[in-house]
Amino acid sequence: LVVAFYRNLLATALLLPPALLLRREELRSLNRRDTSAL
């Protein structure tokens, strides 16, 4: 569980800055249907 957690957490941390920089509006516009699917 620890291996899986840090693998995904570190990947999220690496991808979050470019996502906020390039796709901030898309993140804000997520509707309930897409959020549920995610």
PDB file of all heavy atoms in Angstrom:
ATOM      1  N   LEU A   1       0.824  -1.208   0.000  1.00  0.00           N
ATOM      2  CA  LEU A   1       0.000   0.000   0.000  1.00  0.00           C
ATOM      3  C   LEU A   1       0.858   1.258   0.000  1.00  0.00           C
ATOM      4  O   LEU A   1       0.521   2.256  -0.658  1.00  0.00           O
ATOM      5  CB  LEU A   1      -0.931   0.007   1.211  1.00  0.00           C
ATOM      6  CG  LEU A   1      -2.127  -0.944   1.183  1.00  0.00           C
ATOM      7  CD1 LEU A   1      -2.879  -0.902   2.504  1.00  0.00           C
ATOM      8  CD2 LEU A   1      -3.070  -0.598   0.026  1.00  0.00           C
ATOM      9  N   VAL A   2       1.965   1.224   0.708  1.00  0.00           N
ATOM     10  CA  VAL A   2       2.869   2.380   0.767  1.00  0.00           C
ATOM     11  C   VAL A   2       3.526   2.597  -0.595  1.00  0.00           C
ATOM     12  O   VAL A   2       3.642   3.734  -1.067  1.00  0.00           O
ATOM     13  CB  VAL A   2       3.930   2.167   1.861  1.00  0.00           C
ATOM     14  CG1 VAL A   2       5.011   3.243   1.794  1.00  0.00           C
ATOM     15  CG2 VAL A   2       3.270   2.176   3.234  1.00  0.00           C
ATOM     16  N   VAL A   3       3.969   1.524  -1.231  1.00  0.00           N
ATOM     17  CA  VAL A   3       4.578   1.630  -2.557  1.00  0.00           C
ATOM     18  C   VAL A   3       3.587   2.253  -3.540  1.00  0.00           C
ATOM     19  O   VAL A   3       3.923   3.186  -4.287  1.00  0.00           O
ATOM     20  CB  VAL A   3       5.030   0.256  -3.070  1.00  0.00           C
ATOM     21  CG1 VAL A   3       5.553   0.364  -4.493  1.00  0.00           C
ATOM     22  CG2 VAL A   3       6.106  -0.326  -2.160  1.00  0.00           C
ATOM     23  N   ALA A   4       2.361   1.751  -3.542  1.00  0.00           N
ATOM     24  CA  ALA A   4       1.344   2.268  -4.456  1.00  0.00           C
ATOM     25  C   ALA A   4       1.019   3.725  -4.146  1.00  0.00           C
ATOM     26  O   ALA A   4       0.854   4.554  -5.064  1.00  0.00           O
ATOM     27  CB  ALA A   4       0.077   1.419  -4.353  1.00  0.00           C
ATOM     28  N   PHE A   5       0.928   4.067  -2.861  1.00  0.00           N
ATOM     29  CA  PHE A   5       0.586   5.435  -2.459  1.00  0.00           C
ATOM     30  C   PHE A   5       1.639   6.430  -2.934  1.00  0.00           C
ATOM     31  O   PHE A   5       1.310   7.437  -3.581  1.00  0.00           O
ATOM     32  CB  PHE A   5       0.441   5.513  -0.939  1.00  0.00           C
ATOM     33  CG  PHE A   5       0.322   6.911  -0.407  1.00  0.00           C
ATOM     34  CD1 PHE A   5      -0.803   7.683  -0.702  1.00  0.00           C
ATOM     35  CD2 PHE A   5       1.331   7.454   0.374  1.00  0.00           C
ATOM     36  CE1 PHE A   5      -0.911   8.984  -0.208  1.00  0.00           C
ATOM     37  CE2 PHE A   5       1.232   8.747   0.856  1.00  0.00           C
ATOM     38  CZ  PHE A   5       0.111   9.520   0.563  1.00  0.00           C
ATOM     39  N   TYR A   6       2.896   6.180  -2.632  1.00  0.00           N
ATOM     40  CA  TYR A   6       3.936   7.146  -3.005  1.00  0.00           C
ATOM     41  C   TYR A   6       4.155   7.180  -4.516  1.00  0.00           C
ATOM     42  O   TYR A   6       4.493   8.229  -5.069  1.00  0.00           O
ATOM     43  CB  TYR A   6       5.234   6.837  -2.266  1.00  0.00           C
ATOM     44  CG  TYR A   6       5.198   7.294  -0.824  1.00  0.00           C
ATOM     45  CD1 TYR A   6       5.302   6.378   0.224  1.00  0.00           C
ATOM     46  CD2 TYR A   6       5.026   8.637  -0.508  1.00  0.00           C
ATOM     47  CE1 TYR A   6       5.244   6.791   1.546  1.00  0.00           C
ATOM     48  CE2 TYR A   6       4.974   9.065   0.814  1.00  0.00           C
ATOM     49  CZ  TYR A   6       5.075   8.138   1.827  1.00  0.00           C
ATOM     50  OH  TYR A   6       5.011   8.559   3.139  1.00  0.00           O
ATOM     51  N   ARG A   7       3.957   6.061  -5.182  1.00  0.00           N
ATOM     52  CA  ARG A   7       4.060   6.062  -6.653  1.00  0.00           C
ATOM     53  C   ARG A   7       3.060   7.037  -7.254  1.00  0.00           C
ATOM     54  O   ARG A   7       3.402   7.846  -8.121  1.00  0.00           O
ATOM     55  CB  ARG A   7       3.812   4.646  -7.174  1.00  0.00           C
ATOM     56  CG  ARG A   7       3.613   4.563  -8.679  1.00  0.00           C
ATOM     57  CD  ARG A   7       3.411   3.134  -9.142  1.00  0.00           C
ATOM     58  NE  ARG A   7       3.080   3.073 -10.558  1.00  0.00           N
ATOM     59  CZ  ARG A   7       3.089   1.970 -11.283  1.00  0.00           C
ATOM     60  NH1 ARG A   7       3.426   0.827 -10.729  1.00  0.00           N
ATOM     61  NH2 ARG A   7       2.769   1.999 -12.567  1.00  0.00           N
ATOM     62  N   ASN A   8       1.823   6.998  -6.786  1.00  0.00           N
ATOM     63  CA  ASN A   8       0.787   7.879  -7.332  1.00  0.00           C
ATOM     64  C   ASN A   8       0.882   9.301  -6.788  1.00  0.00           C
ATOM     65  O   ASN A   8       0.642  10.265  -7.514  1.00  0.00           O
ATOM     66  CB  ASN A   8      -0.593   7.292  -7.031  1.00  0.00           C
ATOM     67  CG  ASN A   8      -0.943   6.157  -7.962  1.00  0.00           C
ATOM     68  OD1 ASN A   8      -1.496   6.352  -9.036  1.00  0.00           O
ATOM     69  ND2 ASN A   8      -0.602   4.940  -7.561  1.00  0.00           N
ATOM     70  N   LEU A   9       1.238   9.438  -5.509  1.00  0.00           N
ATOM     71  CA  LEU A   9       1.350  10.772  -4.926  1.00  0.00           C
ATOM     72  C   LEU A   9       2.458  11.577  -5.600  1.00  0.00           C
ATOM     73  O   LEU A   9       2.262  12.755  -5.939  1.00  0.00           O
ATOM     74  CB  LEU A   9       1.632  10.657  -3.424  1.00  0.00           C
ATOM     75  CG  LEU A   9       1.753  11.994  -2.675  1.00  0.00           C
ATOM     76  CD1 LEU A   9       0.411  12.716  -2.661  1.00  0.00           C
ATOM     77  CD2 LEU A   9       2.257  11.765  -1.251  1.00  0.00           C
ATOM     78  N   LEU A  10       3.611  10.970  -5.792  1.00  0.00           N
ATOM     79  CA  LEU A  10       4.721  11.679  -6.424  1.00  0.00           C
ATOM     80  C   LEU A  10       4.412  12.001  -7.886  1.00  0.00           C
ATOM     81  O   LEU A  10       4.775  13.066  -8.387  1.00  0.00           O
ATOM     82  CB  LEU A  10       5.997  10.848  -6.319  1.00  0.00           C
ATOM     83  CG  LEU A  10       6.556  10.667  -4.896  1.00  0.00           C
ATOM     84  CD1 LEU A  10       7.740   9.718  -4.897  1.00  0.00           C
ATOM     85  CD2 LEU A  10       6.964  12.019  -4.312  1.00  0.00           C
ATOM     86  N   ALA A  11       3.722  11.084  -8.567  1.00  0.00           N
ATOM     87  CA  ALA A  11       3.324  11.357  -9.961  1.00  0.00           C
ATOM     88  C   ALA A  11       2.341  12.529 -10.014  1.00  0.00           C
ATOM     89  O   ALA A  11       2.436  13.399 -10.887  1.00  0.00           O
ATOM     90  CB  ALA A  11       2.698  10.112 -10.577  1.00  0.00           C
ATOM     91  N   THR A  12       1.410  12.573  -9.051  1.00  0.00           N
ATOM     92  CA  THR A  12       0.466  13.688  -8.984  1.00  0.00           C
ATOM     93  C   THR A  12       1.197  14.994  -8.740  1.00  0.00           C
ATOM     94  O   THR A  12       0.907  16.030  -9.371  1.00  0.00           O
ATOM     95  CB  THR A  12      -0.561  13.466  -7.851  1.00  0.00           C
ATOM     96  OG1 THR A  12      -1.230  12.228  -8.076  1.00  0.00           O
ATOM     97  CG2 THR A  12      -1.592  14.589  -7.809  1.00  0.00           C
ATOM     98  N   ALA A  13       2.159  14.972  -7.820  1.00  0.00           N
ATOM     99  CA  ALA A  13       2.924  16.185  -7.502  1.00  0.00           C
ATOM    100  C   ALA A  13       3.710  16.692  -8.709  1.00  0.00           C
ATOM    101  O   ALA A  13       3.851  17.905  -8.907  1.00  0.00           O
ATOM    102  CB  ALA A  13       3.866  15.906  -6.334  1.00  0.00           C
ATOM    103  N   LEU A  14       4.212  15.781  -9.533  1.00  0.00           N
ATOM    104  CA  LEU A  14       4.976  16.191 -10.714  1.00  0.00           C
ATOM    105  C   LEU A  14       4.084  16.749 -11.816  1.00  0.00           C
ATOM    106  O   LEU A  14       4.495  17.651 -12.562  1.00  0.00           O
ATOM    107  CB  LEU A  14       5.771  14.996 -11.244  1.00  0.00           C
ATOM    108  CG  LEU A  14       6.945  14.517 -10.377  1.00  0.00           C
ATOM    109  CD1 LEU A  14       7.497  13.205 -10.913  1.00  0.00           C
ATOM    110  CD2 LEU A  14       8.031  15.576 -10.333  1.00  0.00           C
ATOM    111  N   LEU A  15       2.859  16.224 -11.924  1.00  0.00           N
ATOM    112  CA  LEU A  15       1.965  16.653 -13.000  1.00  0.00           C
ATOM    113  C   LEU A  15       1.080  17.833 -12.618  1.00  0.00           C
ATOM    114  O   LEU A  15       0.545  18.523 -13.499  1.00  0.00           O
ATOM    115  CB  LEU A  15       1.076  15.479 -13.431  1.00  0.00           C
ATOM    116  CG  LEU A  15       1.788  14.299 -14.096  1.00  0.00           C
ATOM    117  CD1 LEU A  15       0.797  13.171 -14.356  1.00  0.00           C
ATOM    118  CD2 LEU A  15       2.449  14.737 -15.396  1.00  0.00           C
ATOM    119  N   LEU A  16       0.905  18.089 -11.325  1.00  0.00           N
ATOM    120  CA  LEU A  16      -0.004  19.151 -10.891  1.00  0.00           C
ATOM    121  C   LEU A  16       0.434  20.553 -11.334  1.00  0.00           C
ATOM    122  O   LEU A  16      -0.412  21.322 -11.828  1.00  0.00           O
ATOM    123  CB  LEU A  16      -0.171  19.103  -9.372  1.00  0.00           C
ATOM    124  CG  LEU A  16      -1.199  20.082  -8.779  1.00  0.00           C
ATOM    125  CD1 LEU A  16      -2.564  19.855  -9.393  1.00  0.00           C
ATOM    126  CD2 LEU A  16      -1.253  19.943  -7.261  1.00  0.00           C
ATOM    127  N   PRO A  17       1.714  20.944 -11.192  1.00  0.00           N
ATOM    128  CA  PRO A  17       2.101  22.296 -11.634  1.00  0.00           C
ATOM    129  C   PRO A  17       1.791  22.582 -13.102  1.00  0.00           C
ATOM    130  O   PRO A  17       1.175  23.613 -13.408  1.00  0.00           O
ATOM    131  CB  PRO A  17       3.603  22.343 -11.329  1.00  0.00           C
ATOM    132  CG  PRO A  17       3.779  21.386 -10.198  1.00  0.00           C
ATOM    133  CD  PRO A  17       2.822  20.263 -10.490  1.00  0.00           C
ATOM    134  N   PRO A  18       2.174  21.700 -14.046  1.00  0.00           N
ATOM    135  CA  PRO A  18       1.809  21.989 -15.438  1.00  0.00           C
ATOM    136  C   PRO A  18       0.300  21.977 -15.672  1.00  0.00           C
ATOM    137  O   PRO A  18      -0.208  22.715 -16.515  1.00  0.00           O
ATOM    138  CB  PRO A  18       2.509  20.882 -16.241  1.00  0.00           C
ATOM    139  CG  PRO A  18       2.844  19.819 -15.269  1.00  0.00           C
ATOM    140  CD  PRO A  18       3.060  20.508 -13.965  1.00  0.00           C
ATOM    141  N   ALA A  19      -0.431  21.134 -14.918  1.00  0.00           N
ATOM    142  CA  ALA A  19      -1.891  21.109 -15.068  1.00  0.00           C
ATOM    143  C   ALA A  19      -2.500  22.435 -14.622  1.00  0.00           C
ATOM    144  O   ALA A  19      -3.393  22.976 -15.279  1.00  0.00           O
ATOM    145  CB  ALA A  19      -2.486  19.958 -14.262  1.00  0.00           C
ATOM    146  N   LEU A  20      -2.020  22.972 -13.500  1.00  0.00           N
ATOM    147  CA  LEU A  20      -2.525  24.263 -13.022  1.00  0.00           C
ATOM    148  C   LEU A  20      -2.124  25.397 -13.951  1.00  0.00           C
ATOM    149  O   LEU A  20      -2.873  26.366 -14.136  1.00  0.00           O
ATOM    150  CB  LEU A  20      -2.001  24.535 -11.613  1.00  0.00           C
ATOM    151  CG  LEU A  20      -2.549  23.629 -10.505  1.00  0.00           C
ATOM    152  CD1 LEU A  20      -1.842  23.925  -9.185  1.00  0.00           C
ATOM    153  CD2 LEU A  20      -4.055  23.824 -10.358  1.00  0.00           C
ATOM    154  N   LEU A  21      -0.958  25.288 -14.547  1.00  0.00           N
ATOM    155  CA  LEU A  21      -0.464  26.338 -15.440  1.00  0.00           C
ATOM    156  C   LEU A  21      -1.169  26.323 -16.787  1.00  0.00           C
ATOM    157  O   LEU A  21      -1.534  27.374 -17.323  1.00  0.00           O
ATOM    158  CB  LEU A  21       1.051  26.168 -15.644  1.00  0.00           C
ATOM    159  CG  LEU A  21       1.741  27.201 -16.559  1.00  0.00           C
ATOM    160  CD1 LEU A  21       1.665  28.594 -15.942  1.00  0.00           C
ATOM    161  CD2 LEU A  21       3.192  26.798 -16.809  1.00  0.00           C
ATOM    162  N   LEU A  22      -1.400  25.118 -17.320  1.00  0.00           N
ATOM    163  CA  LEU A  22      -1.924  25.008 -18.685  1.00  0.00           C
ATOM    164  C   LEU A  22      -3.413  24.685 -18.750  1.00  0.00           C
ATOM    165  O   LEU A  22      -4.061  24.987 -19.758  1.00  0.00           O
ATOM    166  CB  LEU A  22      -1.145  23.919 -19.442  1.00  0.00           C
ATOM    167  CG  LEU A  22       0.368  24.113 -19.542  1.00  0.00           C
ATOM    168  CD1 LEU A  22       1.021  22.888 -20.173  1.00  0.00           C
ATOM    169  CD2 LEU A  22       0.694  25.365 -20.358  1.00  0.00           C
ATOM    170  N   ARG A  23      -3.963  24.043 -17.726  1.00  0.00           N
ATOM    171  CA  ARG A  23      -5.343  23.563 -17.792  1.00  0.00           C
ATOM    172  C   ARG A  23      -6.183  24.009 -16.595  1.00  0.00           C
ATOM    173  O   ARG A  23      -7.122  23.323 -16.216  1.00  0.00           O
ATOM    174  CB  ARG A  23      -5.353  22.029 -17.866  1.00  0.00           C
ATOM    175  CG  ARG A  23      -4.642  21.472 -19.086  1.00  0.00           C
ATOM    176  CD  ARG A  23      -5.425  21.770 -20.360  1.00  0.00           C
ATOM    177  NE  ARG A  23      -4.764  21.233 -21.536  1.00  0.00           N
ATOM    178  CZ  ARG A  23      -5.244  21.336 -22.770  1.00  0.00           C
ATOM    179  NH1 ARG A  23      -6.409  21.958 -22.968  1.00  0.00           N
ATOM    180  NH2 ARG A  23      -4.590  20.834 -23.790  1.00  0.00           N
ATOM    181  N   ARG A  24      -5.864  25.170 -16.031  1.00  0.00           N
ATOM    182  CA  ARG A  24      -6.582  25.639 -14.845  1.00  0.00           C
ATOM    183  C   ARG A  24      -8.081  25.794 -15.113  1.00  0.00           C
ATOM    184  O   ARG A  24      -8.930  25.380 -14.318  1.00  0.00           O
ATOM    185  CB  ARG A  24      -6.004  26.969 -14.370  1.00  0.00           C
ATOM    186  CG  ARG A  24      -6.616  27.476 -13.061  1.00  0.00           C
ATOM    187  CD  ARG A  24      -6.075  28.856 -12.719  1.00  0.00           C
ATOM    188  NE  ARG A  24      -4.642  28.821 -12.534  1.00  0.00           N
ATOM    189  CZ  ARG A  24      -4.047  28.616 -11.356  1.00  0.00           C
ATOM    190  NH1 ARG A  24      -4.797  28.432 -10.277  1.00  0.00           N
ATOM    191  NH2 ARG A  24      -2.745  28.602 -11.253  1.00  0.00           N
ATOM    192  N   GLU A  25      -8.434  26.392 -16.255  1.00  0.00           N
ATOM    193  CA  GLU A  25      -9.849  26.614 -16.568  1.00  0.00           C
ATOM    194  C   GLU A  25     -10.592  25.302 -16.781  1.00  0.00           C
ATOM    195  O   GLU A  25     -11.756  25.170 -16.394  1.00  0.00           O
ATOM    196  CB  GLU A  25      -9.982  27.507 -17.812  1.00  0.00           C
ATOM    197  CG  GLU A  25      -9.548  28.942 -17.585  1.00  0.00           C
ATOM    198  CD  GLU A  25     -10.314  29.586 -16.432  1.00  0.00           C
ATOM    199  OE1 GLU A  25     -11.547  29.391 -16.355  1.00  0.00           O
ATOM    200  OE2 GLU A  25      -9.681  30.249 -15.603  1.00  0.00           O
ATOM    201  N   GLU A  26      -9.920  24.337 -17.391  1.00  0.00           N
ATOM    202  CA  GLU A  26     -10.561  23.037 -17.599  1.00  0.00           C
ATOM    203  C   GLU A  26     -10.811  22.346 -16.265  1.00  0.00           C
ATOM    204  O   GLU A  26     -11.852  21.720 -16.065  1.00  0.00           O
ATOM    205  CB  GLU A  26      -9.695  22.153 -18.494  1.00  0.00           C
ATOM    206  CG  GLU A  26     -10.353  20.820 -18.841  1.00  0.00           C
ATOM    207  CD  GLU A  26      -9.496  19.945 -19.732  1.00  0.00           C
ATOM    208  OE1 GLU A  26      -8.468  20.432 -20.236  1.00  0.00           O
ATOM    209  OE2 GLU A  26      -9.859  18.764 -19.910  1.00  0.00           O
ATOM    210  N   LEU A  27      -9.863  22.467 -15.333  1.00  0.00           N
ATOM    211  CA  LEU A  27     -10.060  21.887 -14.003  1.00  0.00           C
ATOM    212  C   LEU A  27     -11.248  22.531 -13.300  1.00  0.00           C
ATOM    213  O   LEU A  27     -12.040  21.857 -12.643  1.00  0.00           O
ATOM    214  CB  LEU A  27      -8.790  22.069 -13.166  1.00  0.00           C
ATOM    215  CG  LEU A  27      -7.620  21.127 -13.476  1.00  0.00           C
ATOM    216  CD1 LEU A  27      -6.342  21.616 -12.808  1.00  0.00           C
ATOM    217  CD2 LEU A  27      -7.936  19.710 -13.031  1.00  0.00           C
ATOM    218  N   ARG A  28     -11.384  23.839 -13.445  1.00  0.00           N
ATOM    219  CA  ARG A  28     -12.484  24.554 -12.804  1.00  0.00           C
ATOM    220  C   ARG A  28     -13.828  24.203 -13.433  1.00  0.00           C
ATOM    221  O   ARG A  28     -14.873  24.246 -12.762  1.00  0.00           O
ATOM    222  CB  ARG A  28     -12.260  26.065 -12.915  1.00  0.00           C
ATOM    223  CG  ARG A  28     -11.154  26.606 -12.019  1.00  0.00           C
ATOM    224  CD  ARG A  28     -10.965  28.090 -12.265  1.00  0.00           C
ATOM    225  NE  ARG A  28      -9.978  28.682 -11.359  1.00  0.00           N
ATOM    226  CZ  ARG A  28      -9.533  29.919 -11.454  1.00  0.00           C
ATOM    227  NH1 ARG A  28      -9.982  30.718 -12.423  1.00  0.00           N
ATOM    228  NH2 ARG A  28      -8.635  30.379 -10.583  1.00  0.00           N
ATOM    229  N   SER A  29     -13.811  23.853 -14.699  1.00  0.00           N
ATOM    230  CA  SER A  29     -15.068  23.626 -15.425  1.00  0.00           C
ATOM    231  C   SER A  29     -15.555  22.186 -15.362  1.00  0.00           C
ATOM    232  O   SER A  29     -16.546  21.849 -16.023  1.00  0.00           O
ATOM    233  CB  SER A  29     -14.893  24.031 -16.893  1.00  0.00           C
ATOM    234  OG  SER A  29     -13.974  23.174 -17.558  1.00  0.00           O
ATOM    235  N   LEU A  30     -14.898  21.340 -14.610  1.00  0.00           N
ATOM    236  CA  LEU A  30     -15.326  19.942 -14.521  1.00  0.00           C
ATOM    237  C   LEU A  30     -16.756  19.862 -13.983  1.00  0.00           C
ATOM    238  O   LEU A  30     -17.066  20.412 -12.925  1.00  0.00           O
ATOM    239  CB  LEU A  30     -14.392  19.155 -13.592  1.00  0.00           C
ATOM    240  CG  LEU A  30     -13.023  18.758 -14.160  1.00  0.00           C
ATOM    241  CD1 LEU A  30     -12.170  18.110 -13.076  1.00  0.00           C
ATOM    242  CD2 LEU A  30     -13.170  17.814 -15.341  1.00  0.00           C
ATOM    243  N   ASN A  31     -17.619  19.175 -14.724  1.00  0.00           N
ATOM    244  CA  ASN A  31     -19.004  19.033 -14.272  1.00  0.00           C
ATOM    245  C   ASN A  31     -19.151  17.788 -13.400  1.00  0.00           C
ATOM    246  O   ASN A  31     -18.214  17.008 -13.229  1.00  0.00           O
ATOM    247  CB  ASN A  31     -19.964  18.968 -15.475  1.00  0.00           C
ATOM    248  CG  ASN A  31     -19.570  17.879 -16.463  1.00  0.00           C
ATOM    249  OD1 ASN A  31     -19.188  16.786 -16.075  1.00  0.00           O
ATOM    250  ND2 ASN A  31     -19.664  18.185 -17.755  1.00  0.00           N
ATOM    251  N   ARG A  32     -20.349  17.623 -12.858  1.00  0.00           N
ATOM    252  CA  ARG A  32     -20.573  16.515 -11.924  1.00  0.00           C
ATOM    253  C   ARG A  32     -20.388  15.171 -12.605  1.00  0.00           C
ATOM    254  O   ARG A  32     -19.830  14.236 -12.014  1.00  0.00           O
ATOM    255  CB  ARG A  32     -21.984  16.618 -11.344  1.00  0.00           C
ATOM    256  CG  ARG A  32     -22.300  15.532 -10.322  1.00  0.00           C
ATOM    257  CD  ARG A  32     -23.673  15.719  -9.730  1.00  0.00           C
ATOM    258  NE  ARG A  32     -23.783  16.981  -9.006  1.00  0.00           N
ATOM    259  CZ  ARG A  32     -24.892  17.408  -8.426  1.00  0.00           C
ATOM    260  NH1 ARG A  32     -25.997  16.666  -8.479  1.00  0.00           N
ATOM    261  NH2 ARG A  32     -24.915  18.562  -7.791  1.00  0.00           N
ATOM    262  N   ARG A  33     -20.841  15.061 -13.844  1.00  0.00           N
ATOM    263  CA  ARG A  33     -20.740  13.787 -14.559  1.00  0.00           C
ATOM    264  C   ARG A  33     -19.285  13.384 -14.760  1.00  0.00           C
ATOM    265  O   ARG A  33     -18.894  12.240 -14.465  1.00  0.00           O
ATOM    266  CB  ARG A  33     -21.434  13.929 -15.921  1.00  0.00           C
ATOM    267  CG  ARG A  33     -21.307  12.695 -16.811  1.00  0.00           C
ATOM    268  CD  ARG A  33     -21.797  13.027 -18.204  1.00  0.00           C
ATOM    269  NE  ARG A  33     -21.593  11.934 -19.136  1.00  0.00           N
ATOM    270  CZ  ARG A  33     -21.656  12.058 -20.452  1.00  0.00           C
ATOM    271  NH1 ARG A  33     -21.947  13.238 -20.989  1.00  0.00           N
ATOM    272  NH2 ARG A  33     -21.449  11.027 -21.230  1.00  0.00           N
ATOM    273  N   ASP A  34     -18.462  14.311 -15.250  1.00  0.00           N
ATOM    274  CA  ASP A  34     -17.060  14.000 -15.494  1.00  0.00           C
ATOM    275  C   ASP A  34     -16.301  13.783 -14.186  1.00  0.00           C
ATOM    276  O   ASP A  34     -15.436  12.905 -14.098  1.00  0.00           O
ATOM    277  CB  ASP A  34     -16.398  15.124 -16.296  1.00  0.00           C
ATOM    278  CG  ASP A  34     -16.829  15.111 -17.751  1.00  0.00           C
ATOM    279  OD1 ASP A  34     -17.559  14.191 -18.147  1.00  0.00           O
ATOM    280  OD2 ASP A  34     -16.444  16.031 -18.494  1.00  0.00           O
ATOM    281  N   THR A  35     -16.624  14.568 -13.165  1.00  0.00           N
ATOM    282  CA  THR A  35     -15.967  14.391 -11.873  1.00  0.00           C
ATOM    283  C   THR A  35     -16.259  13.013 -11.294  1.00  0.00           C
ATOM    284  O   THR A  35     -15.362  12.335 -10.770  1.00  0.00           O
ATOM    285  CB  THR A  35     -16.422  15.474 -10.881  1.00  0.00           C
ATOM    286  OG1 THR A  35     -16.104  16.765 -11.416  1.00  0.00           O
ATOM    287  CG2 THR A  35     -15.734  15.307  -9.541  1.00  0.00           C
ATOM    288  N   SER A  36     -17.508  12.577 -11.406  1.00  0.00           N
ATOM    289  CA  SER A  36     -17.881  11.246 -10.910  1.00  0.00           C
ATOM    290  C   SER A  36     -17.117  10.155 -11.649  1.00  0.00           C
ATOM    291  O   SER A  36     -16.630   9.195 -11.038  1.00  0.00           O
ATOM    292  CB  SER A  36     -19.383  11.029 -11.058  1.00  0.00           C
ATOM    293  OG  SER A  36     -20.114  11.972 -10.302  1.00  0.00           O
ATOM    294  N   ALA A  37     -17.002  10.312 -12.972  1.00  0.00           N
ATOM    295  CA  ALA A  37     -16.276   9.318 -13.765  1.00  0.00           C
ATOM    296  C   ALA A  37     -14.797   9.290 -13.392  1.00  0.00           C
ATOM    297  O   ALA A  37     -14.176   8.219 -13.316  1.00  0.00           O
ATOM    298  CB  ALA A  37     -16.445   9.614 -15.253  1.00  0.00           C
ATOM    299  N   LEU A  38     -14.219  10.461 -13.135  1.00  0.00           N
ATOM    300  CA  LEU A  38     -12.815  10.530 -12.731  1.00  0.00           C
ATOM    301  C   LEU A  38     -12.601   9.860 -11.371  1.00  0.00           C
ATOM    302  O   LEU A  38     -11.606   9.168 -11.156  1.00  0.00           O
ATOM    303  CB  LEU A  38     -12.359  11.988 -12.671  1.00  0.00           C
ATOM    304  CG  LEU A  38     -12.133  12.681 -14.026  1.00  0.00           C
ATOM    305  CD1 LEU A  38     -12.030  14.192 -13.839  1.00  0.00           C
ATOM    306  CD2 LEU A  38     -10.879  12.141 -14.696  1.00  0.00           C
TER     307      LEU A  38
END
